Amino acid sequence: MARAIWTGSISFGLVSIPVGLFSATEDHTIHFHQFERGTSDRIRYQRVNERTGKEVEYSDIVKGREVGGGDYVLVEPDELADIAPGRSRTIDITTFVDLDEIDPIFFQKTYWLAPTDDQYARPYALLRQAMTRTNRAGIATFVMRGKEYLTALRADGEVLALETLFFADEIRDRSSLDLPGATKPKGKELDMATGLIEAMSGEWKPKDFRDTYTERVEKLIEDKRKGREVVSEAEPPEPTAMTDLIAALERSVADARGGKKKSGKSAKASSDGAPDLSELSKADLTAMARELDVKGRSSMSRAQLEKAVAAASGEGQQRKKAS
């Protein structure tokens, strides 16, 4: 059974519902240890006094905040605990807002909330169903691990979800970005881009997606463990030249509507039955180069890949004829 990482109560009006908080997500990132190259020696980090060079025990460390001019104010852990609202065990809902009004940029992390006992199932279900009916989210604050969080409680099927939110002053001002505000796409380009979005539109099916990078890292580790050759992946596509934008959009729309597949597409065959390499993307040429064991393929441009694949394919055909 899952263990709650926080327990307390949801409070709205005069109603209080004891609940436990559970993480709704988990990280599958592969974590590495560090070693000195050429050895099997682990790298360790130590807390060291920069003046004496001696290691310092964790219990002897206090926090310090720079206040200017190289001066610091030192704060003891107990002093932080005394002023923090850490003794609060309540998710105190202060208002309900339309869930659709919350900009996604404010969402930080999702947790599940569950009643701590069967006797609290009724008020828990009542709050969940009322928020479902009204499409409202309860805005609340609560404290966990010495930090106060702004949160939004929402109904998610048969469970209440708690979304931690960024505070308004934690959202960076986008005006500092160099955005192409003066650029106003129009005409055929805009029509083609709109058509491409519509052609590529579909239902949101999260199970259709997986972490392929982690899979490749796991394969890399397994290949190295077994002494197999490590194969480089295809380089990312080159930026689309502005002179080719309309052509790229037209081909993309045709592919999305069922002309060619987005990846692994086959090239037109020439008169001798060999594929027309000029029709293939850089990713497709890289895949062919991998199959033909072309050396240095990962650093080649598309034009270089086309020549290398053509040469390697021609050598392969000659070997077949000779045999």
C-alpha atoms as a PDB file:
ATOM      1  CA  MET A   1       0.000   0.000   0.000  1.00  0.00           C
ATOM      2  CA  ALA A   2       1.252   3.481  -0.896  1.00  0.00           C
ATOM      3  CA  ARG A   3       2.434   5.637   1.981  1.00  0.00           C
ATOM      4  CA  ALA A   4       1.282   9.240   2.318  1.00  0.00           C
ATOM      5  CA  ILE A   5       4.051  11.825   2.112  1.00  0.00           C
ATOM      6  CA  TRP A   6       1.910  14.303   4.087  1.00  0.00           C
ATOM      7  CA  THR A   7      -1.224  14.011   6.207  1.00  0.00           C
ATOM      8  CA  GLY A   8      -3.599  16.729   7.284  1.00  0.00           C
ATOM      9  CA  SER A   9      -7.074  18.005   6.493  1.00  0.00           C
ATOM     10  CA  ILE A  10      -8.882  19.753   3.668  1.00  0.00           C
ATOM     11  CA  SER A  11     -10.772  22.679   5.109  1.00  0.00           C
ATOM     12  CA  PHE A  12     -13.530  24.599   3.294  1.00  0.00           C
ATOM     13  CA  GLY A  13     -16.076  26.594   5.210  1.00  0.00           C
ATOM     14  CA  LEU A  14     -16.754  24.706   8.440  1.00  0.00           C
ATOM     15  CA  VAL A  15     -16.054  21.315   6.817  1.00  0.00           C
ATOM     16  CA  SER A  16     -12.798  19.494   7.552  1.00  0.00           C
ATOM     17  CA  ILE A  17     -11.780  16.246   5.809  1.00  0.00           C
ATOM     18  CA  PRO A  18      -8.671  14.329   6.997  1.00  0.00           C
ATOM     19  CA  VAL A  19      -6.614  13.279   3.963  1.00  0.00           C
ATOM     20  CA  GLY A  20      -3.268  11.871   2.942  1.00  0.00           C
ATOM     21  CA  LEU A  21      -1.165  13.261   0.121  1.00  0.00           C
ATOM     22  CA  PHE A  22       0.400  10.887  -2.437  1.00  0.00           C
ATOM     23  CA  SER A  23       2.695  11.633  -5.368  1.00  0.00           C
ATOM     24  CA  ALA A  24       0.845  11.184  -8.663  1.00  0.00           C
ATOM     25  CA  THR A  25       3.965  10.880 -10.806  1.00  0.00           C
ATOM     26  CA  GLU A  26       7.335   9.136 -10.703  1.00  0.00           C
ATOM     27  CA  ASP A  27      10.675   9.891 -12.319  1.00  0.00           C
ATOM     28  CA  HIS A  28      12.215   7.181 -14.530  1.00  0.00           C
ATOM     29  CA  THR A  29      15.412   9.111 -15.224  1.00  0.00           C
ATOM     30  CA  ILE A  30      18.511   6.886 -15.208  1.00  0.00           C
ATOM     31  CA  HIS A  31      20.918   8.115 -12.533  1.00  0.00           C
ATOM     32  CA  PHE A  32      24.678   7.653 -12.866  1.00  0.00           C
ATOM     33  CA  HIS A  33      27.507   7.596 -10.350  1.00  0.00           C
ATOM     34  CA  GLN A  34      30.657   9.559 -11.174  1.00  0.00           C
ATOM     35  CA  PHE A  35      34.107   8.003 -11.707  1.00  0.00           C
ATOM     36  CA  GLU A  36      37.543   9.331 -12.587  1.00  0.00           C
ATOM     37  CA  ARG A  37      38.201   8.520 -16.237  1.00  0.00           C
ATOM     38  CA  GLY A  38      40.511   5.550 -16.689  1.00  0.00           C
ATOM     39  CA  THR A  39      39.898   4.226 -13.179  1.00  0.00           C
ATOM     40  CA  SER A  40      37.191   2.526 -11.129  1.00  0.00           C
ATOM     41  CA  ASP A  41      37.445   5.228  -8.452  1.00  0.00           C
ATOM     42  CA  ARG A  42      34.169   6.810  -7.379  1.00  0.00           C
ATOM     43  CA  ILE A  43      33.913  10.583  -7.082  1.00  0.00           C
ATOM     44  CA  ARG A  44      32.471  11.724  -3.742  1.00  0.00           C
ATOM     45  CA  TYR A  45      31.350  15.147  -2.608  1.00  0.00           C
ATOM     46  CA  GLN A  46      32.202  16.486   0.821  1.00  0.00           C
ATOM     47  CA  ARG A  47      31.148  19.540   2.816  1.00  0.00           C
ATOM     48  CA  VAL A  48      34.454  21.329   3.252  1.00  0.00           C
ATOM     49  CA  ASN A  49      35.370  24.518   5.097  1.00  0.00           C
ATOM     50  CA  GLU A  50      36.877  26.635   2.302  1.00  0.00           C
ATOM     51  CA  ARG A  51      39.336  28.314   4.741  1.00  0.00           C
ATOM     52  CA  THR A  52      40.650  25.240   6.609  1.00  0.00           C
ATOM     53  CA  GLY A  53      40.018  22.593   3.951  1.00  0.00           C
ATOM     54  CA  LYS A  54      38.542  20.310   6.617  1.00  0.00           C
ATOM     55  CA  GLU A  55      35.272  18.398   6.254  1.00  0.00           C
ATOM     56  CA  VAL A  56      32.355  19.770   8.301  1.00  0.00           C
ATOM     57  CA  GLU A  57      29.624  17.670   9.911  1.00  0.00           C
ATOM     58  CA  TYR A  58      26.111  18.365   8.656  1.00  0.00           C
ATOM     59  CA  SER A  59      24.947  19.173  12.200  1.00  0.00           C
ATOM     60  CA  ASP A  60      27.522  21.993  12.366  1.00  0.00           C
ATOM     61  CA  ILE A  61      26.263  23.756   9.243  1.00  0.00           C
ATOM     62  CA  VAL A  62      24.001  26.823   9.436  1.00  0.00           C
ATOM     63  CA  LYS A  63      22.456  28.821   6.606  1.00  0.00           C
ATOM     64  CA  GLY A  64      23.593  32.256   5.521  1.00  0.00           C
ATOM     65  CA  ARG A  65      22.027  34.920   3.318  1.00  0.00           C
ATOM     66  CA  GLU A  66      24.213  37.582   1.690  1.00  0.00           C
ATOM     67  CA  VAL A  67      22.968  41.088   2.470  1.00  0.00           C
ATOM     68  CA  GLY A  68      25.483  43.048   0.412  1.00  0.00           C
ATOM     69  CA  GLY A  69      29.097  44.084   0.661  1.00  0.00           C
ATOM     70  CA  GLY A  70      30.201  40.519   1.353  1.00  0.00           C
ATOM     71  CA  ASP A  71      28.251  40.459   4.635  1.00  0.00           C
ATOM     72  CA  TYR A  72      26.007  37.548   5.579  1.00  0.00           C
ATOM     73  CA  VAL A  73      23.209  37.032   8.089  1.00  0.00           C
ATOM     74  CA  LEU A  74      23.517  33.549   9.621  1.00  0.00           C
ATOM     75  CA  VAL A  75      20.335  31.666  10.529  1.00  0.00           C
ATOM     76  CA  GLU A  76      20.021  28.564  12.700  1.00  0.00           C
ATOM     77  CA  PRO A  77      17.719  25.693  11.565  1.00  0.00           C
ATOM     78  CA  ASP A  78      15.650  26.082  14.759  1.00  0.00           C
ATOM     79  CA  GLU A  79      15.060  29.761  13.971  1.00  0.00           C
ATOM     80  CA  LEU A  80      13.623  28.836  10.583  1.00  0.00           C
ATOM     81  CA  ALA A  81      11.410  26.190  12.176  1.00  0.00           C
ATOM     82  CA  ASP A  82      10.102  28.690  14.732  1.00  0.00           C
ATOM     83  CA  ILE A  83       8.911  31.209  12.145  1.00  0.00           C
ATOM     84  CA  ALA A  84       7.711  28.735   9.476  1.00  0.00           C
ATOM     85  CA  PRO A  85       4.030  27.750   9.471  1.00  0.00           C
ATOM     86  CA  GLY A  86       5.236  24.154   9.523  1.00  0.00           C
ATOM     87  CA  ARG A  87       2.938  23.164  12.367  1.00  0.00           C
ATOM     88  CA  SER A  88      -0.071  23.787  10.126  1.00  0.00           C
ATOM     89  CA  ARG A  89      -1.684  20.534   8.972  1.00  0.00           C
ATOM     90  CA  THR A  90      -4.482  22.055   6.924  1.00  0.00           C
ATOM     91  CA  ILE A  91      -5.114  22.547   3.214  1.00  0.00           C
ATOM     92  CA  ASP A  92      -7.199  25.648   3.690  1.00  0.00           C
ATOM     93  CA  ILE A  93      -9.407  26.417   0.658  1.00  0.00           C
ATOM     94  CA  THR A  94     -10.007  30.164   0.524  1.00  0.00           C
ATOM     95  CA  THR A  95     -11.844  30.429  -2.797  1.00  0.00           C
ATOM     96  CA  PHE A  96     -13.115  28.393  -5.745  1.00  0.00           C
ATOM     97  CA  VAL A  97     -12.270  29.437  -9.308  1.00  0.00           C
ATOM     98  CA  ASP A  98     -13.172  28.202 -12.771  1.00  0.00           C
ATOM     99  CA  LEU A  99     -10.582  25.529 -13.559  1.00  0.00           C
ATOM    100  CA  ASP A 100     -10.272  26.743 -17.168  1.00  0.00           C
ATOM    101  CA  GLU A 101      -9.178  30.192 -15.967  1.00  0.00           C
ATOM    102  CA  ILE A 102      -5.886  28.903 -14.513  1.00  0.00           C
ATOM    103  CA  ASP A 103      -3.080  29.415 -17.028  1.00  0.00           C
ATOM    104  CA  PRO A 104      -1.139  26.115 -17.448  1.00  0.00           C
ATOM    105  CA  ILE A 105       2.118  27.994 -16.765  1.00  0.00           C
ATOM    106  CA  PHE A 106       1.168  28.079 -13.074  1.00  0.00           C
ATOM    107  CA  PHE A 107       0.940  24.274 -12.706  1.00  0.00           C
ATOM    108  CA  GLN A 108       3.970  22.703 -11.050  1.00  0.00           C
ATOM    109  CA  LYS A 109       3.382  19.124  -9.792  1.00  0.00           C
ATOM    110  CA  THR A 110       0.398  16.824  -9.273  1.00  0.00           C
ATOM    111  CA  TYR A 111      -0.494  14.849  -6.146  1.00  0.00           C
ATOM    112  CA  TRP A 112      -3.438  12.617  -5.236  1.00  0.00           C
ATOM    113  CA  LEU A 113      -5.484  13.192  -2.105  1.00  0.00           C
ATOM    114  CA  ALA A 114      -7.288  10.321  -0.375  1.00  0.00           C
ATOM    115  CA  PRO A 115      -9.334  10.184   2.847  1.00  0.00           C
ATOM    116  CA  THR A 116      -7.383   8.725   5.761  1.00  0.00           C
ATOM    117  CA  ASP A 117     -10.313   6.607   6.912  1.00  0.00           C
ATOM    118  CA  ASP A 118     -13.542   5.156   5.479  1.00  0.00           C
ATOM    119  CA  GLN A 119     -15.623   7.389   7.734  1.00  0.00           C
ATOM    120  CA  TYR A 120     -14.419  10.425   5.776  1.00  0.00           C
ATOM    121  CA  ALA A 121     -15.372   8.981   2.366  1.00  0.00           C
ATOM    122  CA  ARG A 122     -18.738  10.763   2.269  1.00  0.00           C
ATOM    123  CA  PRO A 123     -17.560  14.384   2.693  1.00  0.00           C
ATOM    124  CA  TYR A 124     -14.589  13.589   0.399  1.00  0.00           C
ATOM    125  CA  ALA A 125     -16.946  12.356  -2.348  1.00  0.00           C
ATOM    126  CA  LEU A 126     -19.266  15.302  -1.760  1.00  0.00           C
ATOM    127  CA  LEU A 127     -16.494  17.835  -2.354  1.00  0.00           C
ATOM    128  CA  ARG A 128     -15.241  15.938  -5.416  1.00  0.00           C
ATOM    129  CA  GLN A 129     -18.665  15.708  -7.055  1.00  0.00           C
ATOM    130  CA  ALA A 130     -19.552  19.321  -6.281  1.00  0.00           C
ATOM    131  CA  MET A 131     -16.341  20.525  -7.952  1.00  0.00           C
ATOM    132  CA  THR A 132     -17.018  18.253 -10.939  1.00  0.00           C
ATOM    133  CA  ARG A 133     -20.509  19.700 -11.339  1.00  0.00           C
ATOM    134  CA  THR A 134     -19.306  23.295 -11.147  1.00  0.00           C
ATOM    135  CA  ASN A 135     -15.963  22.811 -12.980  1.00  0.00           C
ATOM    136  CA  ARG A 136     -14.345  24.638 -10.099  1.00  0.00           C
ATOM    137  CA  ALA A 137     -10.941  24.252  -8.454  1.00  0.00           C
ATOM    138  CA  GLY A 138     -10.340  25.046  -4.813  1.00  0.00           C
ATOM    139  CA  ILE A 139      -7.443  27.459  -4.280  1.00  0.00           C
ATOM    140  CA  ALA A 140      -5.620  26.742  -1.037  1.00  0.00           C
ATOM    141  CA  THR A 141      -2.284  26.978   0.737  1.00  0.00           C
ATOM    142  CA  PHE A 142      -0.582  24.334   2.824  1.00  0.00           C
ATOM    143  CA  VAL A 143       2.858  23.637   4.264  1.00  0.00           C
ATOM    144  CA  MET A 144       5.008  20.605   3.500  1.00  0.00           C
ATOM    145  CA  ARG A 145       8.657  20.042   4.441  1.00  0.00           C
ATOM    146  CA  GLY A 146       9.158  23.581   5.630  1.00  0.00           C
ATOM    147  CA  LYS A 147       7.757  25.246   2.509  1.00  0.00           C
ATOM    148  CA  GLU A 148       4.408  26.892   1.913  1.00  0.00           C
ATOM    149  CA  TYR A 149       2.651  25.946  -1.329  1.00  0.00           C
ATOM    150  CA  LEU A 150      -0.072  27.601  -3.327  1.00  0.00           C
ATOM    151  CA  THR A 151      -2.333  24.835  -4.651  1.00  0.00           C
ATOM    152  CA  ALA A 152      -5.408  24.089  -6.727  1.00  0.00           C
ATOM    153  CA  LEU A 153      -7.606  21.153  -5.735  1.00  0.00           C
ATOM    154  CA  ARG A 154      -9.587  19.635  -8.595  1.00  0.00           C
ATOM    155  CA  ALA A 155     -11.734  16.597  -9.243  1.00  0.00           C
ATOM    156  CA  ASP A 156     -10.092  13.929 -11.412  1.00  0.00           C
ATOM    157  CA  GLY A 157     -12.531  11.065 -11.895  1.00  0.00           C
ATOM    158  CA  GLU A 158     -12.957   9.302  -8.566  1.00  0.00           C
ATOM    159  CA  VAL A 159     -10.083  11.096  -6.852  1.00  0.00           C
ATOM    160  CA  LEU A 160      -9.195  14.598  -5.747  1.00  0.00           C
ATOM    161  CA  ALA A 161      -5.997  15.924  -7.279  1.00  0.00           C
ATOM    162  CA  LEU A 162      -3.857  18.629  -5.743  1.00  0.00           C
ATOM    163  CA  GLU A 163      -1.810  20.743  -8.129  1.00  0.00           C
ATOM    164  CA  THR A 164       1.001  22.782  -6.622  1.00  0.00           C
ATOM    165  CA  LEU A 165       1.139  26.167  -8.318  1.00  0.00           C
ATOM    166  CA  PHE A 166       3.819  28.769  -8.832  1.00  0.00           C
ATOM    167  CA  PHE A 167       3.178  32.078  -7.105  1.00  0.00           C
ATOM    168  CA  ALA A 168       2.620  35.020  -9.456  1.00  0.00           C
ATOM    169  CA  ASP A 169       6.045  36.534  -8.695  1.00  0.00           C
ATOM    170  CA  GLU A 170       7.711  33.233  -9.685  1.00  0.00           C
ATOM    171  CA  ILE A 171       6.511  33.526 -13.298  1.00  0.00           C
ATOM    172  CA  ARG A 172       9.151  35.236 -15.430  1.00  0.00           C
ATOM    173  CA  ASP A 173       8.227  38.273 -17.503  1.00  0.00           C
ATOM    174  CA  ARG A 174       8.101  37.195 -21.147  1.00  0.00           C
ATOM    175  CA  SER A 175       8.743  40.749 -22.329  1.00  0.00           C
ATOM    176  CA  SER A 176      12.472  40.124 -21.741  1.00  0.00           C
ATOM    177  CA  LEU A 177      12.484  37.637 -24.614  1.00  0.00           C
ATOM    178  CA  ASP A 178      13.436  38.653 -28.139  1.00  0.00           C
ATOM    179  CA  LEU A 179      10.126  37.703 -29.738  1.00  0.00           C
ATOM    180  CA  PRO A 180       9.257  38.293 -33.419  1.00  0.00           C
ATOM    181  CA  GLY A 181       6.246  40.448 -32.517  1.00  0.00           C
ATOM    182  CA  ALA A 182       6.392  42.503 -35.707  1.00  0.00           C
ATOM    183  CA  THR A 183       6.248  39.419 -37.936  1.00  0.00           C
ATOM    184  CA  LYS A 184       2.692  38.824 -39.167  1.00  0.00           C
ATOM    185  CA  PRO A 185       2.393  35.616 -41.228  1.00  0.00           C
ATOM    186  CA  LYS A 186      -0.400  35.727 -43.773  1.00  0.00           C
ATOM    187  CA  GLY A 187      -1.578  34.444 -47.110  1.00  0.00           C
ATOM    188  CA  LYS A 188      -0.588  31.017 -48.398  1.00  0.00           C
ATOM    189  CA  GLU A 189       1.985  30.352 -45.663  1.00  0.00           C
ATOM    190  CA  LEU A 190      -0.605  30.823 -42.901  1.00  0.00           C
ATOM    191  CA  ASP A 191      -3.202  28.756 -44.791  1.00  0.00           C
ATOM    192  CA  MET A 192      -0.710  25.921 -45.291  1.00  0.00           C
ATOM    193  CA  ALA A 193       0.429  25.988 -41.650  1.00  0.00           C
ATOM    194  CA  THR A 194      -3.209  25.939 -40.487  1.00  0.00           C
ATOM    195  CA  GLY A 195      -3.946  23.043 -42.838  1.00  0.00           C
ATOM    196  CA  LEU A 196      -0.925  21.140 -41.524  1.00  0.00           C
ATOM    197  CA  ILE A 197      -2.100  21.553 -37.917  1.00  0.00           C
ATOM    198  CA  GLU A 198      -5.579  20.354 -38.856  1.00  0.00           C
ATOM    199  CA  ALA A 199      -4.179  17.377 -40.794  1.00  0.00           C
ATOM    200  CA  MET A 200      -1.979  16.372 -37.854  1.00  0.00           C
ATOM    201  CA  SER A 201      -4.737  16.813 -35.263  1.00  0.00           C
ATOM    202  CA  GLY A 202      -6.009  13.835 -33.285  1.00  0.00           C
ATOM    203  CA  GLU A 203      -7.117  12.669 -29.864  1.00  0.00           C
ATOM    204  CA  TRP A 204      -4.841  13.005 -26.842  1.00  0.00           C
ATOM    205  CA  LYS A 205      -3.670   9.467 -26.084  1.00  0.00           C
ATOM    206  CA  PRO A 206      -0.813   9.626 -23.557  1.00  0.00           C
ATOM    207  CA  LYS A 207      -0.175   5.869 -23.821  1.00  0.00           C
ATOM    208  CA  ASP A 208       0.926   6.418 -27.430  1.00  0.00           C
ATOM    209  CA  PHE A 209       4.061   8.188 -26.154  1.00  0.00           C
ATOM    210  CA  ARG A 210       7.026   6.835 -24.237  1.00  0.00           C
ATOM    211  CA  ASP A 211      10.431   7.977 -23.066  1.00  0.00           C
ATOM    212  CA  THR A 212      12.556   6.798 -25.991  1.00  0.00           C
ATOM    213  CA  TYR A 213      15.656   8.642 -24.751  1.00  0.00           C
ATOM    214  CA  THR A 214      15.742   6.603 -21.544  1.00  0.00           C
ATOM    215  CA  GLU A 215      15.327   3.455 -23.647  1.00  0.00           C
ATOM    216  CA  ARG A 216      18.346   4.483 -25.745  1.00  0.00           C
ATOM    217  CA  VAL A 217      20.396   5.160 -22.600  1.00  0.00           C
ATOM    218  CA  GLU A 218      19.502   1.695 -21.287  1.00  0.00           C
ATOM    219  CA  LYS A 219      20.489   0.175 -24.653  1.00  0.00           C
ATOM    220  CA  LEU A 220      23.782   2.107 -24.612  1.00  0.00           C
ATOM    221  CA  ILE A 221      24.584   0.703 -21.155  1.00  0.00           C
ATOM    222  CA  GLU A 222      23.652  -2.839 -22.213  1.00  0.00           C
ATOM    223  CA  ASP A 223      25.665  -2.612 -25.457  1.00  0.00           C
ATOM    224  CA  LYS A 224      28.742  -1.403 -23.575  1.00  0.00           C
ATOM    225  CA  ARG A 225      28.289  -4.111 -20.933  1.00  0.00           C
ATOM    226  CA  LYS A 226      28.260  -6.799 -23.611  1.00  0.00           C
ATOM    227  CA  GLY A 227      31.018  -5.211 -25.681  1.00  0.00           C
ATOM    228  CA  ARG A 228      28.792  -4.476 -28.656  1.00  0.00           C
ATOM    229  CA  GLU A 229      29.308  -1.553 -31.055  1.00  0.00           C
ATOM    230  CA  VAL A 230      27.602   1.632 -29.894  1.00  0.00           C
ATOM    231  CA  VAL A 231      25.540   3.091 -32.752  1.00  0.00           C
ATOM    232  CA  SER A 232      25.035   6.865 -33.028  1.00  0.00           C
ATOM    233  CA  GLU A 233      21.537   8.159 -33.585  1.00  0.00           C
ATOM    234  CA  ALA A 234      20.524  10.388 -36.486  1.00  0.00           C
ATOM    235  CA  GLU A 235      21.364  14.069 -36.280  1.00  0.00           C
ATOM    236  CA  PRO A 236      18.446  16.490 -35.785  1.00  0.00           C
ATOM    237  CA  PRO A 237      16.956  17.999 -38.950  1.00  0.00           C
ATOM    238  CA  GLU A 238      18.524  21.155 -40.330  1.00  0.00           C
ATOM    239  CA  PRO A 239      16.538  24.413 -40.077  1.00  0.00           C
ATOM    240  CA  THR A 240      14.133  24.980 -42.960  1.00  0.00           C
ATOM    241  CA  ALA A 241      15.368  27.651 -45.355  1.00  0.00           C
ATOM    242  CA  MET A 242      12.865  30.482 -45.740  1.00  0.00           C
ATOM    243  CA  THR A 243      12.946  30.026 -49.510  1.00  0.00           C
ATOM    244  CA  ASP A 244      11.781  26.412 -49.007  1.00  0.00           C
ATOM    245  CA  LEU A 245       9.081  27.145 -46.418  1.00  0.00           C
ATOM    246  CA  ILE A 246       6.054  26.787 -48.708  1.00  0.00           C
ATOM    247  CA  ALA A 247       7.450  23.619 -50.309  1.00  0.00           C
ATOM    248  CA  ALA A 248       8.179  22.115 -46.864  1.00  0.00           C
ATOM    249  CA  LEU A 249       4.646  22.942 -45.693  1.00  0.00           C
ATOM    250  CA  GLU A 250       3.069  21.450 -48.821  1.00  0.00           C
ATOM    251  CA  ARG A 251       5.042  18.202 -48.468  1.00  0.00           C
ATOM    252  CA  SER A 252       4.260  18.043 -44.753  1.00  0.00           C
ATOM    253  CA  VAL A 253       0.522  18.431 -45.369  1.00  0.00           C
ATOM    254  CA  ALA A 254       0.664  15.713 -48.040  1.00  0.00           C
ATOM    255  CA  ASP A 255       2.512  13.370 -45.672  1.00  0.00           C
ATOM    256  CA  ALA A 256       0.096  14.046 -42.805  1.00  0.00           C
ATOM    257  CA  ARG A 257      -2.924  13.393 -45.029  1.00  0.00           C
ATOM    258  CA  GLY A 258      -1.631   9.966 -45.959  1.00  0.00           C
ATOM    259  CA  GLY A 259       0.686  10.562 -48.907  1.00  0.00           C
ATOM    260  CA  LYS A 260       3.992   9.455 -47.378  1.00  0.00           C
ATOM    261  CA  LYS A 261       4.632   8.311 -43.843  1.00  0.00           C
ATOM    262  CA  LYS A 262       6.251  10.882 -41.595  1.00  0.00           C
ATOM    263  CA  SER A 263       9.192   8.621 -40.905  1.00  0.00           C
ATOM    264  CA  GLY A 264      10.732   5.620 -42.591  1.00  0.00           C
ATOM    265  CA  LYS A 265       9.274   6.719 -45.916  1.00  0.00           C
ATOM    266  CA  SER A 266      10.500   4.929 -49.005  1.00  0.00           C
ATOM    267  CA  ALA A 267      12.116   6.798 -51.838  1.00  0.00           C
ATOM    268  CA  LYS A 268      11.103   6.571 -55.475  1.00  0.00           C
ATOM    269  CA  ALA A 269      12.984   3.858 -57.313  1.00  0.00           C
ATOM    270  CA  SER A 270      15.199   4.738 -60.242  1.00  0.00           C
ATOM    271  CA  SER A 271      15.206   2.798 -63.509  1.00  0.00           C
ATOM    272  CA  ASP A 272      17.669   0.213 -62.181  1.00  0.00           C
ATOM    273  CA  GLY A 273      15.525  -0.452 -59.080  1.00  0.00           C
ATOM    274  CA  ALA A 274      17.781   1.463 -56.674  1.00  0.00           C
ATOM    275  CA  PRO A 275      16.136   4.069 -54.433  1.00  0.00           C
ATOM    276  CA  ASP A 276      16.268   7.722 -55.495  1.00  0.00           C
ATOM    277  CA  LEU A 277      18.391   9.111 -52.661  1.00  0.00           C
ATOM    278  CA  SER A 278      17.490  12.706 -53.523  1.00  0.00           C
ATOM    279  CA  GLU A 279      13.973  12.019 -52.243  1.00  0.00           C
ATOM    280  CA  LEU A 280      15.118  10.935 -48.790  1.00  0.00           C
ATOM    281  CA  SER A 281      15.489  13.096 -45.687  1.00  0.00           C
ATOM    282  CA  LYS A 282      18.712  13.329 -43.731  1.00  0.00           C
ATOM    283  CA  ALA A 283      17.261  11.018 -41.062  1.00  0.00           C
ATOM    284  CA  ASP A 284      16.426   8.389 -43.699  1.00  0.00           C
ATOM    285  CA  LEU A 285      19.909   8.654 -45.231  1.00  0.00           C
ATOM    286  CA  THR A 286      21.477   8.310 -41.781  1.00  0.00           C
ATOM    287  CA  ALA A 287      19.453   5.148 -41.195  1.00  0.00           C
ATOM    288  CA  MET A 288      20.651   3.723 -44.529  1.00  0.00           C
ATOM    289  CA  ALA A 289      24.236   4.731 -43.705  1.00  0.00           C
ATOM    290  CA  ARG A 290      23.952   2.858 -40.411  1.00  0.00           C
ATOM    291  CA  GLU A 291      22.764  -0.284 -42.211  1.00  0.00           C
ATOM    292  CA  LEU A 292      25.630   0.046 -44.702  1.00  0.00           C
ATOM    293  CA  ASP A 293      28.118   0.668 -41.866  1.00  0.00           C
ATOM    294  CA  VAL A 294      29.272   4.010 -43.311  1.00  0.00           C
ATOM    295  CA  LYS A 295      31.987   5.394 -41.068  1.00  0.00           C
ATOM    296  CA  GLY A 296      31.711   8.959 -39.761  1.00  0.00           C
ATOM    297  CA  ARG A 297      28.032   9.224 -40.682  1.00  0.00           C
ATOM    298  CA  SER A 298      27.038  11.099 -37.521  1.00  0.00           C
ATOM    299  CA  SER A 299      29.104  14.166 -38.519  1.00  0.00           C
ATOM    300  CA  MET A 300      28.089  14.240 -42.195  1.00  0.00           C
ATOM    301  CA  SER A 301      25.801  16.793 -43.826  1.00  0.00           C
ATOM    302  CA  ARG A 302      22.838  15.580 -45.856  1.00  0.00           C
ATOM    303  CA  ALA A 303      24.740  15.996 -49.131  1.00  0.00           C
ATOM    304  CA  GLN A 304      27.707  14.055 -47.759  1.00  0.00           C
ATOM    305  CA  LEU A 305      25.404  11.307 -46.520  1.00  0.00           C
ATOM    306  CA  GLU A 306      23.768  10.996 -49.943  1.00  0.00           C
ATOM    307  CA  LYS A 307      27.164  10.564 -51.619  1.00  0.00           C
ATOM    308  CA  ALA A 308      28.408   8.126 -48.988  1.00  0.00           C
ATOM    309  CA  VAL A 309      25.233   6.010 -49.153  1.00  0.00           C
ATOM    310  CA  ALA A 310      25.357   5.981 -52.950  1.00  0.00           C
ATOM    311  CA  ALA A 311      28.984   4.876 -52.898  1.00  0.00           C
ATOM    312  CA  ALA A 312      28.398   2.203 -50.261  1.00  0.00           C
ATOM    313  CA  SER A 313      25.301   0.933 -52.076  1.00  0.00           C
ATOM    314  CA  GLY A 314      27.229   0.703 -55.338  1.00  0.00           C
ATOM    315  CA  GLU A 315      30.025  -1.285 -53.688  1.00  0.00           C
ATOM    316  CA  GLY A 316      27.438  -3.619 -52.189  1.00  0.00           C
ATOM    317  CA  GLN A 317      25.805  -4.226 -55.545  1.00  0.00           C
ATOM    318  CA  GLN A 318      29.193  -4.949 -57.156  1.00  0.00           C
ATOM    319  CA  ARG A 319      30.033  -7.492 -54.433  1.00  0.00           C
ATOM    320  CA  LYS A 320      26.672  -9.224 -55.021  1.00  0.00           C
ATOM    321  CA  LYS A 321      27.307  -9.438 -58.783  1.00  0.00           C
ATOM    322  CA  ALA A 322      30.820 -10.775 -58.218  1.00  0.00           C
ATOM    323  CA  SER A 323      29.544 -13.502 -55.923  1.00  0.00           C
END
